[in-house]
Amino acid sequence: MINEILGGARVSYPKDCGNAPKKGILAGFYKAFAQGDWDYIQEHTADALSWNIVGKHEIGSQEEALALCREQFFRGIQEICLHNVITHGNVAAVNGEIIFGDGTSVFFCDIYKFGSFGKQARVKEVTSYVIGGTGPHTI
């Protein structure tokens, strides 16, 4: 695992994320969440981004997604641990845990679909499954 401190939060992710361009982009998303780098997220997502946080939110644009990220993900993140980053063609999955400063945590699995198969493709769809999170960080 690679461990970094970004924006005061510890971010860990599998060492092999550098072996595939899309793995690096996805690890970059969580690093961006930790430090509030909304420009990174904007650069790597489609304007018409569709994000379904199952049972909680259905988001239909990049602008809405960034607003939710600003509200939920940057408040008090203590640690983000990515257990697996898996890519194949234009689809990918990431699972892990986010621990907040107040001691609450959420476990997640995010399924990504890129707009194309290319190395610089932008994410166009995300489906997130989130478990846990009592208190203010229920995403």
C-alpha atoms as a PDB file:
ATOM      1  CA  MET A   1       0.000   0.000   0.000  1.00  0.00           C
ATOM      2  CA  ILE A   2       1.042   3.560  -0.667  1.00  0.00           C
ATOM      3  CA  ASN A   3       0.320   5.996   2.166  1.00  0.00           C
ATOM      4  CA  GLU A   4       0.144   9.750   1.713  1.00  0.00           C
ATOM      5  CA  ILE A   5      -0.940  12.643   3.918  1.00  0.00           C
ATOM      6  CA  LEU A   6      -3.017  15.067   1.836  1.00  0.00           C
ATOM      7  CA  GLY A   7      -4.968  18.000   3.210  1.00  0.00           C
ATOM      8  CA  GLY A   8      -4.410  16.634   6.707  1.00  0.00           C
ATOM      9  CA  ALA A   9      -5.929  13.244   5.848  1.00  0.00           C
ATOM     10  CA  ARG A  10      -4.180   9.936   5.384  1.00  0.00           C
ATOM     11  CA  VAL A  11      -4.887   8.331   2.002  1.00  0.00           C
ATOM     12  CA  SER A  12      -3.790   4.777   1.294  1.00  0.00           C
ATOM     13  CA  TYR A  13      -4.199   2.858  -1.938  1.00  0.00           C
ATOM     14  CA  PRO A  14      -2.787  -0.256  -3.608  1.00  0.00           C
ATOM     15  CA  LYS A  15       0.727   0.070  -4.963  1.00  0.00           C
ATOM     16  CA  ASP A  16      -0.298  -1.205  -8.401  1.00  0.00           C
ATOM     17  CA  CYS A  17      -2.419   1.897  -9.129  1.00  0.00           C
ATOM     18  CA  GLY A  18       0.416   3.239 -11.270  1.00  0.00           C
ATOM     19  CA  ASN A  19       0.301   0.273 -13.652  1.00  0.00           C
ATOM     20  CA  ALA A  20      -2.868   1.350 -15.449  1.00  0.00           C
ATOM     21  CA  PRO A  21      -3.783   4.936 -16.326  1.00  0.00           C
ATOM     22  CA  LYS A  22      -7.406   4.595 -15.180  1.00  0.00           C
ATOM     23  CA  LYS A  23      -6.304   3.193 -11.812  1.00  0.00           C
ATOM     24  CA  GLY A  24      -4.195   6.302 -11.344  1.00  0.00           C
ATOM     25  CA  ILE A  25      -7.116   8.565 -12.261  1.00  0.00           C
ATOM     26  CA  LEU A  26      -9.380   6.798  -9.772  1.00  0.00           C
ATOM     27  CA  ALA A  27      -6.846   6.873  -6.938  1.00  0.00           C
ATOM     28  CA  GLY A  28      -6.536  10.555  -7.796  1.00  0.00           C
ATOM     29  CA  PHE A  29     -10.269  11.060  -7.124  1.00  0.00           C
ATOM     30  CA  TYR A  30      -9.936   9.963  -3.514  1.00  0.00           C
ATOM     31  CA  LYS A  31      -6.748  11.969  -3.066  1.00  0.00           C
ATOM     32  CA  ALA A  32      -8.689  14.957  -4.421  1.00  0.00           C
ATOM     33  CA  PHE A  33     -11.543  14.314  -1.939  1.00  0.00           C
ATOM     34  CA  ALA A  34      -9.036  14.368   0.926  1.00  0.00           C
ATOM     35  CA  GLN A  35      -7.592  17.740  -0.025  1.00  0.00           C
ATOM     36  CA  GLY A  36     -10.568  19.425  -1.671  1.00  0.00           C
ATOM     37  CA  ASP A  37      -9.023  19.463  -5.149  1.00  0.00           C
ATOM     38  CA  TRP A  38     -12.314  19.955  -6.996  1.00  0.00           C
ATOM     39  CA  ASP A  39     -10.459  20.969 -10.173  1.00  0.00           C
ATOM     40  CA  TYR A  40      -9.037  17.432 -10.438  1.00  0.00           C
ATOM     41  CA  ILE A  41     -12.487  15.910 -10.155  1.00  0.00           C
ATOM     42  CA  GLN A  42     -13.887  18.363 -12.709  1.00  0.00           C
ATOM     43  CA  GLU A  43     -11.058  17.599 -15.173  1.00  0.00           C
ATOM     44  CA  HIS A  44     -11.692  13.846 -14.996  1.00  0.00           C
ATOM     45  CA  THR A  45     -15.500  13.736 -15.145  1.00  0.00           C
ATOM     46  CA  ALA A  46     -17.959  14.436 -17.962  1.00  0.00           C
ATOM     47  CA  ASP A  47     -20.175  17.521 -17.786  1.00  0.00           C
ATOM     48  CA  ALA A  48     -23.224  15.226 -18.001  1.00  0.00           C
ATOM     49  CA  LEU A  49     -21.963  13.025 -15.151  1.00  0.00           C
ATOM     50  CA  SER A  50     -24.557  10.628 -13.742  1.00  0.00           C
ATOM     51  CA  TRP A  51     -23.956   9.567 -10.116  1.00  0.00           C
ATOM     52  CA  ASN A  52     -26.301   7.255  -8.248  1.00  0.00           C
ATOM     53  CA  ILE A  53     -25.611   6.853  -4.532  1.00  0.00           C
ATOM     54  CA  VAL A  54     -27.962   3.913  -4.153  1.00  0.00           C
ATOM     55  CA  GLY A  55     -30.913   4.675  -1.897  1.00  0.00           C
ATOM     56  CA  LYS A  56     -29.744   8.226  -1.139  1.00  0.00           C
ATOM     57  CA  HIS A  57     -28.997  10.541  -4.082  1.00  0.00           C
ATOM     58  CA  GLU A  58     -29.345  10.562  -7.850  1.00  0.00           C
ATOM     59  CA  ILE A  59     -27.172  13.240  -9.378  1.00  0.00           C
ATOM     60  CA  GLY A  60     -27.449  14.251 -13.021  1.00  0.00           C
ATOM     61  CA  SER A  61     -24.602  16.674 -13.634  1.00  0.00           C
ATOM     62  CA  GLN A  62     -20.982  17.370 -12.838  1.00  0.00           C
ATOM     63  CA  GLU A  63     -22.035  20.592 -11.091  1.00  0.00           C
ATOM     64  CA  GLU A  64     -24.372  18.728  -8.708  1.00  0.00           C
ATOM     65  CA  ALA A  65     -21.710  16.098  -8.029  1.00  0.00           C
ATOM     66  CA  LEU A  66     -19.108  18.730  -7.151  1.00  0.00           C
ATOM     67  CA  ALA A  67     -21.588  20.464  -4.815  1.00  0.00           C
ATOM     68  CA  LEU A  68     -22.212  17.183  -2.973  1.00  0.00           C
ATOM     69  CA  CYS A  69     -18.481  16.500  -2.741  1.00  0.00           C
ATOM     70  CA  ARG A  70     -17.843  19.943  -1.278  1.00  0.00           C
ATOM     71  CA  GLU A  71     -20.612  19.413   1.265  1.00  0.00           C
ATOM     72  CA  GLN A  72     -19.983  15.806   2.321  1.00  0.00           C
ATOM     73  CA  PHE A  73     -16.479  14.616   1.541  1.00  0.00           C
ATOM     74  CA  PHE A  74     -14.244  17.462   2.561  1.00  0.00           C
ATOM     75  CA  ARG A  75     -15.701  17.972   6.039  1.00  0.00           C
ATOM     76  CA  GLY A  76     -13.465  16.296   8.544  1.00  0.00           C
ATOM     77  CA  ILE A  77     -11.991  13.405   6.580  1.00  0.00           C
ATOM     78  CA  GLN A  78      -9.334  11.755   8.694  1.00  0.00           C
ATOM     79  CA  GLU A  79      -8.505   8.809   6.464  1.00  0.00           C
ATOM     80  CA  ILE A  80      -9.412   7.222   3.138  1.00  0.00           C
ATOM     81  CA  CYS A  81      -8.299   3.647   2.581  1.00  0.00           C
ATOM     82  CA  LEU A  82      -8.772   2.106  -0.853  1.00  0.00           C
ATOM     83  CA  HIS A  83      -8.719  -1.664  -0.584  1.00  0.00           C
ATOM     84  CA  ASN A  84      -9.055  -2.457  -4.302  1.00  0.00           C
ATOM     85  CA  VAL A  85      -8.926  -0.488  -7.548  1.00  0.00           C
ATOM     86  CA  ILE A  86      -9.979  -2.686 -10.457  1.00  0.00           C
ATOM     87  CA  THR A  87     -10.240  -1.605 -14.099  1.00  0.00           C
ATOM     88  CA  HIS A  88     -11.209  -3.371 -17.296  1.00  0.00           C
ATOM     89  CA  GLY A  89     -11.817  -1.517 -20.535  1.00  0.00           C
ATOM     90  CA  ASN A  90     -14.083   1.425 -19.815  1.00  0.00           C
ATOM     91  CA  VAL A  91     -15.395   0.172 -16.439  1.00  0.00           C
ATOM     92  CA  ALA A  92     -13.829   0.163 -12.993  1.00  0.00           C
ATOM     93  CA  ALA A  93     -14.570  -0.516  -9.335  1.00  0.00           C
ATOM     94  CA  VAL A  94     -13.069   0.872  -6.146  1.00  0.00           C
ATOM     95  CA  ASN A  95     -13.880  -0.251  -2.634  1.00  0.00           C
ATOM     96  CA  GLY A  96     -12.676   1.032   0.696  1.00  0.00           C
ATOM     97  CA  GLU A  97     -13.427   3.020   3.808  1.00  0.00           C
ATOM     98  CA  ILE A  98     -13.626   6.702   4.707  1.00  0.00           C
ATOM     99  CA  ILE A  99     -13.028   7.614   8.348  1.00  0.00           C
ATOM    100  CA  PHE A 100     -14.139  11.032   9.563  1.00  0.00           C
ATOM    101  CA  GLY A 101     -12.627  13.116  12.362  1.00  0.00           C
ATOM    102  CA  ASP A 102     -15.616  12.462  14.625  1.00  0.00           C
ATOM    103  CA  GLY A 103     -14.910   8.717  14.558  1.00  0.00           C
ATOM    104  CA  THR A 104     -17.702   7.719  12.178  1.00  0.00           C
ATOM    105  CA  SER A 105     -16.863   5.809   9.045  1.00  0.00           C
ATOM    106  CA  VAL A 106     -18.446   4.574   5.842  1.00  0.00           C
ATOM    107  CA  PHE A 107     -17.540   1.589   3.735  1.00  0.00           C
ATOM    108  CA  PHE A 108     -18.095   1.999   0.011  1.00  0.00           C
ATOM    109  CA  CYS A 109     -17.926   0.374  -3.362  1.00  0.00           C
ATOM    110  CA  ASP A 110     -17.965   2.736  -6.342  1.00  0.00           C
ATOM    111  CA  ILE A 111     -18.561   1.416  -9.861  1.00  0.00           C
ATOM    112  CA  TYR A 112     -17.301   3.726 -12.622  1.00  0.00           C
ATOM    113  CA  LYS A 113     -18.009   3.874 -16.337  1.00  0.00           C
ATOM    114  CA  PHE A 114     -15.685   5.950 -18.502  1.00  0.00           C
ATOM    115  CA  GLY A 115     -16.863   7.727 -21.659  1.00  0.00           C
ATOM    116  CA  SER A 116     -14.399   5.789 -23.808  1.00  0.00           C
ATOM    117  CA  PHE A 117     -11.613   3.233 -23.658  1.00  0.00           C
ATOM    118  CA  GLY A 118      -8.791   5.786 -24.033  1.00  0.00           C
ATOM    119  CA  LYS A 119      -6.180   6.619 -21.409  1.00  0.00           C
ATOM    120  CA  GLN A 120      -7.548  10.154 -20.959  1.00  0.00           C
ATOM    121  CA  ALA A 121     -11.238   9.169 -20.845  1.00  0.00           C
ATOM    122  CA  ARG A 122     -13.506  11.016 -18.428  1.00  0.00           C
ATOM    123  CA  VAL A 123     -15.853   9.306 -15.986  1.00  0.00           C
ATOM    124  CA  LYS A 124     -19.451   9.560 -17.194  1.00  0.00           C
ATOM    125  CA  GLU A 125     -21.299   7.306 -14.704  1.00  0.00           C
ATOM    126  CA  VAL A 126     -20.792   6.336 -11.071  1.00  0.00           C
ATOM    127  CA  THR A 127     -22.857   4.005  -8.920  1.00  0.00           C
ATOM    128  CA  SER A 128     -21.966   4.091  -5.224  1.00  0.00           C
ATOM    129  CA  TYR A 129     -22.936   1.597  -2.554  1.00  0.00           C
ATOM    130  CA  VAL A 130     -22.363   3.020   0.927  1.00  0.00           C
ATOM    131  CA  ILE A 131     -22.690   1.213   4.267  1.00  0.00           C
ATOM    132  CA  GLY A 132     -22.436   2.824   7.708  1.00  0.00           C
ATOM    133  CA  GLY A 133     -22.130   6.427   8.648  1.00  0.00           C
ATOM    134  CA  THR A 134     -24.169   7.472  11.597  1.00  0.00           C
ATOM    135  CA  GLY A 135     -24.251  11.136  12.427  1.00  0.00           C
ATOM    136  CA  PRO A 136     -23.469  13.974  10.021  1.00  0.00           C
ATOM    137  CA  HIS A 137     -21.534  11.937   7.445  1.00  0.00           C
ATOM    138  CA  THR A 138     -24.159   9.657   5.953  1.00  0.00           C
ATOM    139  CA  ILE A 139     -23.479  10.658   2.332  1.00  0.00           C
END
